[in-house]
């Protein structure tokens, strides 16, 4: 089962390995990113960072069997690079209760909504659509951080436009 769908442009890194994997008791990490799946160097670097008992896959979106991943017995942490990746995962059949925004770097048109998350109006609209389907959307870098709700993110984005 997918324990968490996390948006993190850094994908597998220290925060994920040292906090999220133990917190979720994840048995598998699946990175879904076309660019990472095409890069043997990125795959090797990310795989080396994982604890020995945690399996990993780095796949293109069209390679993932979302139904099997969603309904399988293993606790799985799915990582995507950006909000659009989360939308694509859901559109392709990922079944999740929660979407976590962990790291979304600054880019033109994005405003800060947390210390590690920058969003555009278009991305916020996509997240609102997810929430409308019953998916809890929240932002926090690590499990012990304050869980910023979608409403908080909306308010922060609105304040950033003033």
C-alpha atoms as a PDB file:
ATOM      1  CA  UNK A   1       0.000   0.000   0.000  1.00  0.00           C
ATOM      2  CA  UNK A   2       1.153   3.531  -0.588  1.00  0.00           C
ATOM      3  CA  UNK A   3       1.771   4.959   2.879  1.00  0.00           C
ATOM      4  CA  UNK A   4       2.572   8.420   1.560  1.00  0.00           C
ATOM      5  CA  UNK A   5       2.926  10.267  -1.724  1.00  0.00           C
ATOM      6  CA  UNK A   6       5.601  12.910  -1.160  1.00  0.00           C
ATOM      7  CA  UNK A   7       6.456  15.796  -3.469  1.00  0.00           C
ATOM      8  CA  UNK A   8      10.185  16.360  -3.076  1.00  0.00           C
ATOM      9  CA  UNK A   9      12.383  17.708  -5.835  1.00  0.00           C
ATOM     10  CA  UNK A  10      15.398  16.244  -4.012  1.00  0.00           C
ATOM     11  CA  UNK A  11      13.764  12.780  -4.053  1.00  0.00           C
ATOM     12  CA  UNK A  12      15.874  10.394  -1.896  1.00  0.00           C
ATOM     13  CA  UNK A  13      18.030  12.386   0.534  1.00  0.00           C
ATOM     14  CA  UNK A  14      18.812  12.669   4.242  1.00  0.00           C
ATOM     15  CA  UNK A  15      15.385  13.860   5.450  1.00  0.00           C
ATOM     16  CA  UNK A  16      13.657  11.018   3.658  1.00  0.00           C
ATOM     17  CA  UNK A  17      16.115   8.359   4.810  1.00  0.00           C
ATOM     18  CA  UNK A  18      16.519   9.445   8.426  1.00  0.00           C
ATOM     19  CA  UNK A  19      12.963  10.557   9.243  1.00  0.00           C
ATOM     20  CA  UNK A  20      10.250   9.590   6.765  1.00  0.00           C
ATOM     21  CA  UNK A  21      11.260   5.969   6.173  1.00  0.00           C
ATOM     22  CA  UNK A  22      11.347   5.138   9.919  1.00  0.00           C
ATOM     23  CA  UNK A  23       8.218   7.215  10.644  1.00  0.00           C
ATOM     24  CA  UNK A  24       6.213   5.380   7.983  1.00  0.00           C
ATOM     25  CA  UNK A  25       7.977   2.059   8.608  1.00  0.00           C
ATOM     26  CA  UNK A  26       8.379   2.011   4.840  1.00  0.00           C
ATOM     27  CA  UNK A  27       9.607  -1.232   3.333  1.00  0.00           C
ATOM     28  CA  UNK A  28      10.028   0.190  -0.148  1.00  0.00           C
ATOM     29  CA  UNK A  29      10.735   3.569  -1.710  1.00  0.00           C
ATOM     30  CA  UNK A  30       9.549   4.179  -5.251  1.00  0.00           C
ATOM     31  CA  UNK A  31      10.824   7.263  -7.036  1.00  0.00           C
ATOM     32  CA  UNK A  32       8.645   8.090 -10.017  1.00  0.00           C
ATOM     33  CA  UNK A  33      10.484  10.504 -12.251  1.00  0.00           C
ATOM     34  CA  UNK A  34      11.213  10.165 -15.948  1.00  0.00           C
ATOM     35  CA  UNK A  35      14.558  12.016 -15.746  1.00  0.00           C
ATOM     36  CA  UNK A  36      15.841  10.009 -12.770  1.00  0.00           C
ATOM     37  CA  UNK A  37      14.739   6.746 -14.383  1.00  0.00           C
ATOM     38  CA  UNK A  38      16.814   7.644 -17.451  1.00  0.00           C
ATOM     39  CA  UNK A  39      19.969   8.392 -15.439  1.00  0.00           C
ATOM     40  CA  UNK A  40      22.030   5.450 -14.135  1.00  0.00           C
ATOM     41  CA  UNK A  41      24.111   7.897 -12.088  1.00  0.00           C
ATOM     42  CA  UNK A  42      21.055   9.360 -10.306  1.00  0.00           C
ATOM     43  CA  UNK A  43      19.701   5.866  -9.704  1.00  0.00           C
ATOM     44  CA  UNK A  44      22.974   4.658  -8.185  1.00  0.00           C
ATOM     45  CA  UNK A  45      23.336   7.708  -5.944  1.00  0.00           C
ATOM     46  CA  UNK A  46      19.786   7.467  -4.620  1.00  0.00           C
ATOM     47  CA  UNK A  47      19.930   3.710  -4.063  1.00  0.00           C
ATOM     48  CA  UNK A  48      23.168   3.996  -2.065  1.00  0.00           C
ATOM     49  CA  UNK A  49      21.487   6.322   0.434  1.00  0.00           C
ATOM     50  CA  UNK A  50      18.844   3.799   1.508  1.00  0.00           C
ATOM     51  CA  UNK A  51      19.021   1.460   4.501  1.00  0.00           C
ATOM     52  CA  UNK A  52      19.840  -2.143   3.484  1.00  0.00           C
ATOM     53  CA  UNK A  53      16.389  -3.577   4.273  1.00  0.00           C
ATOM     54  CA  UNK A  54      14.494  -0.946   2.288  1.00  0.00           C
ATOM     55  CA  UNK A  55      14.057  -1.810  -1.368  1.00  0.00           C
ATOM     56  CA  UNK A  56      13.814   0.832  -4.043  1.00  0.00           C
ATOM     57  CA  UNK A  57      12.725   1.360  -7.597  1.00  0.00           C
ATOM     58  CA  UNK A  58      13.253   4.390  -9.783  1.00  0.00           C
ATOM     59  CA  UNK A  59      10.708   4.316 -12.572  1.00  0.00           C
ATOM     60  CA  UNK A  60       9.139   6.346 -15.345  1.00  0.00           C
ATOM     61  CA  UNK A  61       5.465   7.170 -14.855  1.00  0.00           C
ATOM     62  CA  UNK A  62       4.453   4.752 -17.611  1.00  0.00           C
ATOM     63  CA  UNK A  63       6.345   1.870 -15.935  1.00  0.00           C
ATOM     64  CA  UNK A  64       4.472   1.939 -12.625  1.00  0.00           C
ATOM     65  CA  UNK A  65       1.726  -0.563 -11.872  1.00  0.00           C
ATOM     66  CA  UNK A  66      -0.189   1.864  -9.663  1.00  0.00           C
ATOM     67  CA  UNK A  67      -2.896  -0.627  -8.742  1.00  0.00           C
ATOM     68  CA  UNK A  68      -0.361  -3.191  -7.491  1.00  0.00           C
ATOM     69  CA  UNK A  69       1.622  -0.512  -5.673  1.00  0.00           C
ATOM     70  CA  UNK A  70      -1.525   0.903  -4.046  1.00  0.00           C
ATOM     71  CA  UNK A  71      -2.955  -2.431  -2.966  1.00  0.00           C
ATOM     72  CA  UNK A  72       0.157  -4.511  -2.288  1.00  0.00           C
ATOM     73  CA  UNK A  73       1.194  -5.698   1.180  1.00  0.00           C
ATOM     74  CA  UNK A  74       4.369  -3.588   1.475  1.00  0.00           C
ATOM     75  CA  UNK A  75       4.369  -0.126   3.043  1.00  0.00           C
ATOM     76  CA  UNK A  76       5.586   2.101   0.213  1.00  0.00           C
ATOM     77  CA  UNK A  77       6.812   5.680   0.179  1.00  0.00           C
ATOM     78  CA  UNK A  78       6.320   7.170  -3.289  1.00  0.00           C
ATOM     79  CA  UNK A  79       8.417  10.202  -4.220  1.00  0.00           C
ATOM     80  CA  UNK A  80       7.703  12.528  -7.136  1.00  0.00           C
ATOM     81  CA  UNK A  81       9.622  15.647  -8.133  1.00  0.00           C
ATOM     82  CA  UNK A  82       6.782  18.197  -8.297  1.00  0.00           C
ATOM     83  CA  UNK A  83       3.070  18.871  -7.877  1.00  0.00           C
ATOM     84  CA  UNK A  84       2.448  17.930 -11.498  1.00  0.00           C
ATOM     85  CA  UNK A  85       4.052  14.556 -10.768  1.00  0.00           C
ATOM     86  CA  UNK A  86       1.616  13.983  -7.912  1.00  0.00           C
ATOM     87  CA  UNK A  87      -1.276  14.876 -10.210  1.00  0.00           C
ATOM     88  CA  UNK A  88       0.019  12.439 -12.829  1.00  0.00           C
ATOM     89  CA  UNK A  89       0.427   9.659 -10.252  1.00  0.00           C
ATOM     90  CA  UNK A  90      -3.174  10.121  -9.129  1.00  0.00           C
ATOM     91  CA  UNK A  91      -4.448  10.293 -12.702  1.00  0.00           C
ATOM     92  CA  UNK A  92      -2.663   7.023 -13.494  1.00  0.00           C
ATOM     93  CA  UNK A  93      -4.296   5.246 -10.554  1.00  0.00           C
ATOM     94  CA  UNK A  94      -2.290   5.876  -7.382  1.00  0.00           C
ATOM     95  CA  UNK A  95      -4.577   5.408  -4.388  1.00  0.00           C
ATOM     96  CA  UNK A  96      -3.473   7.637  -1.522  1.00  0.00           C
ATOM     97  CA  UNK A  97      -5.015   9.314   1.492  1.00  0.00           C
ATOM     98  CA  UNK A  98      -2.222  11.866   1.950  1.00  0.00           C
ATOM     99  CA  UNK A  99       0.009  14.026  -0.228  1.00  0.00           C
ATOM    100  CA  UNK A 100       2.968  15.580   1.543  1.00  0.00           C
ATOM    101  CA  UNK A 101       4.770  18.605   0.153  1.00  0.00           C
ATOM    102  CA  UNK A 102       8.319  18.252   1.412  1.00  0.00           C
ATOM    103  CA  UNK A 103      10.611  20.249  -0.848  1.00  0.00           C
ATOM    104  CA  UNK A 104       9.430  22.344  -3.771  1.00  0.00           C
ATOM    105  CA  UNK A 105      12.189  24.756  -4.715  1.00  0.00           C
ATOM    106  CA  UNK A 106      11.742  28.346  -5.812  1.00  0.00           C
ATOM    107  CA  UNK A 107      11.031  28.978  -9.482  1.00  0.00           C
ATOM    108  CA  UNK A 108       9.615  31.919 -11.388  1.00  0.00           C
ATOM    109  CA  UNK A 109       5.977  32.445 -10.413  1.00  0.00           C
ATOM    110  CA  UNK A 110       6.249  30.565  -7.127  1.00  0.00           C
ATOM    111  CA  UNK A 111       5.881  32.157  -3.694  1.00  0.00           C
ATOM    112  CA  UNK A 112       6.998  30.736  -0.325  1.00  0.00           C
ATOM    113  CA  UNK A 113       4.323  28.900   1.665  1.00  0.00           C
ATOM    114  CA  UNK A 114       6.734  27.176   4.069  1.00  0.00           C
ATOM    115  CA  UNK A 115      10.495  27.252   4.598  1.00  0.00           C
ATOM    116  CA  UNK A 116      10.976  24.468   2.032  1.00  0.00           C
ATOM    117  CA  UNK A 117       7.922  24.795  -0.234  1.00  0.00           C
ATOM    118  CA  UNK A 118       7.254  27.385  -2.927  1.00  0.00           C
ATOM    119  CA  UNK A 119       4.013  27.204  -4.929  1.00  0.00           C
ATOM    120  CA  UNK A 120       2.421  28.954  -7.872  1.00  0.00           C
ATOM    121  CA  UNK A 121      -1.277  29.768  -8.142  1.00  0.00           C
ATOM    122  CA  UNK A 122      -1.624  26.979 -10.723  1.00  0.00           C
ATOM    123  CA  UNK A 123      -0.004  24.431  -8.401  1.00  0.00           C
ATOM    124  CA  UNK A 124      -2.255  25.525  -5.547  1.00  0.00           C
ATOM    125  CA  UNK A 125      -5.290  25.000  -7.791  1.00  0.00           C
ATOM    126  CA  UNK A 126      -4.092  21.450  -8.559  1.00  0.00           C
ATOM    127  CA  UNK A 127      -3.695  20.759  -4.839  1.00  0.00           C
ATOM    128  CA  UNK A 128      -7.202  22.112  -4.190  1.00  0.00           C
ATOM    129  CA  UNK A 129      -8.529  19.648  -6.786  1.00  0.00           C
ATOM    130  CA  UNK A 130      -6.793  16.814  -4.917  1.00  0.00           C
ATOM    131  CA  UNK A 131      -8.302  17.952  -1.623  1.00  0.00           C
ATOM    132  CA  UNK A 132     -11.706  18.071  -3.303  1.00  0.00           C
ATOM    133  CA  UNK A 133     -11.314  14.331  -3.958  1.00  0.00           C
ATOM    134  CA  UNK A 134     -10.779  13.644  -0.259  1.00  0.00           C
ATOM    135  CA  UNK A 135      -6.972  13.599  -0.266  1.00  0.00           C
ATOM    136  CA  UNK A 136      -5.306  15.345   2.667  1.00  0.00           C
ATOM    137  CA  UNK A 137      -2.682  17.785   1.386  1.00  0.00           C
ATOM    138  CA  UNK A 138      -0.102  19.061   3.856  1.00  0.00           C
ATOM    139  CA  UNK A 139       3.384  20.549   3.907  1.00  0.00           C
ATOM    140  CA  UNK A 140       6.222  19.640   6.236  1.00  0.00           C
ATOM    141  CA  UNK A 141       9.827  18.720   5.665  1.00  0.00           C
ATOM    142  CA  UNK A 142      10.027  16.053   8.375  1.00  0.00           C
ATOM    143  CA  UNK A 143       7.381  14.200  10.410  1.00  0.00           C
ATOM    144  CA  UNK A 144       8.061  16.217  13.572  1.00  0.00           C
ATOM    145  CA  UNK A 145       7.451  19.573  11.841  1.00  0.00           C
ATOM    146  CA  UNK A 146       4.135  21.397  12.136  1.00  0.00           C
ATOM    147  CA  UNK A 147       1.735  19.950   9.577  1.00  0.00           C
ATOM    148  CA  UNK A 148       0.730  22.958   7.466  1.00  0.00           C
ATOM    149  CA  UNK A 149      -2.731  22.306   6.044  1.00  0.00           C
ATOM    150  CA  UNK A 150      -3.850  23.299   2.578  1.00  0.00           C
ATOM    151  CA  UNK A 151      -5.806  26.187   4.137  1.00  0.00           C
ATOM    152  CA  UNK A 152      -2.616  27.460   5.769  1.00  0.00           C
ATOM    153  CA  UNK A 153      -0.766  27.200   2.466  1.00  0.00           C
ATOM    154  CA  UNK A 154      -3.549  29.104   0.699  1.00  0.00           C
ATOM    155  CA  UNK A 155      -3.401  31.878   3.310  1.00  0.00           C
ATOM    156  CA  UNK A 156       0.381  32.107   3.057  1.00  0.00           C
ATOM    157  CA  UNK A 157       0.264  32.300  -0.735  1.00  0.00           C
ATOM    158  CA  UNK A 158      -2.387  35.017  -0.529  1.00  0.00           C
ATOM    159  CA  UNK A 159      -0.245  36.960   1.977  1.00  0.00           C
ATOM    160  CA  UNK A 160       2.787  36.618  -0.297  1.00  0.00           C
ATOM    161  CA  UNK A 161       0.851  38.392  -3.074  1.00  0.00           C
ATOM    162  CA  UNK A 162       0.194  41.468  -0.931  1.00  0.00           C
END
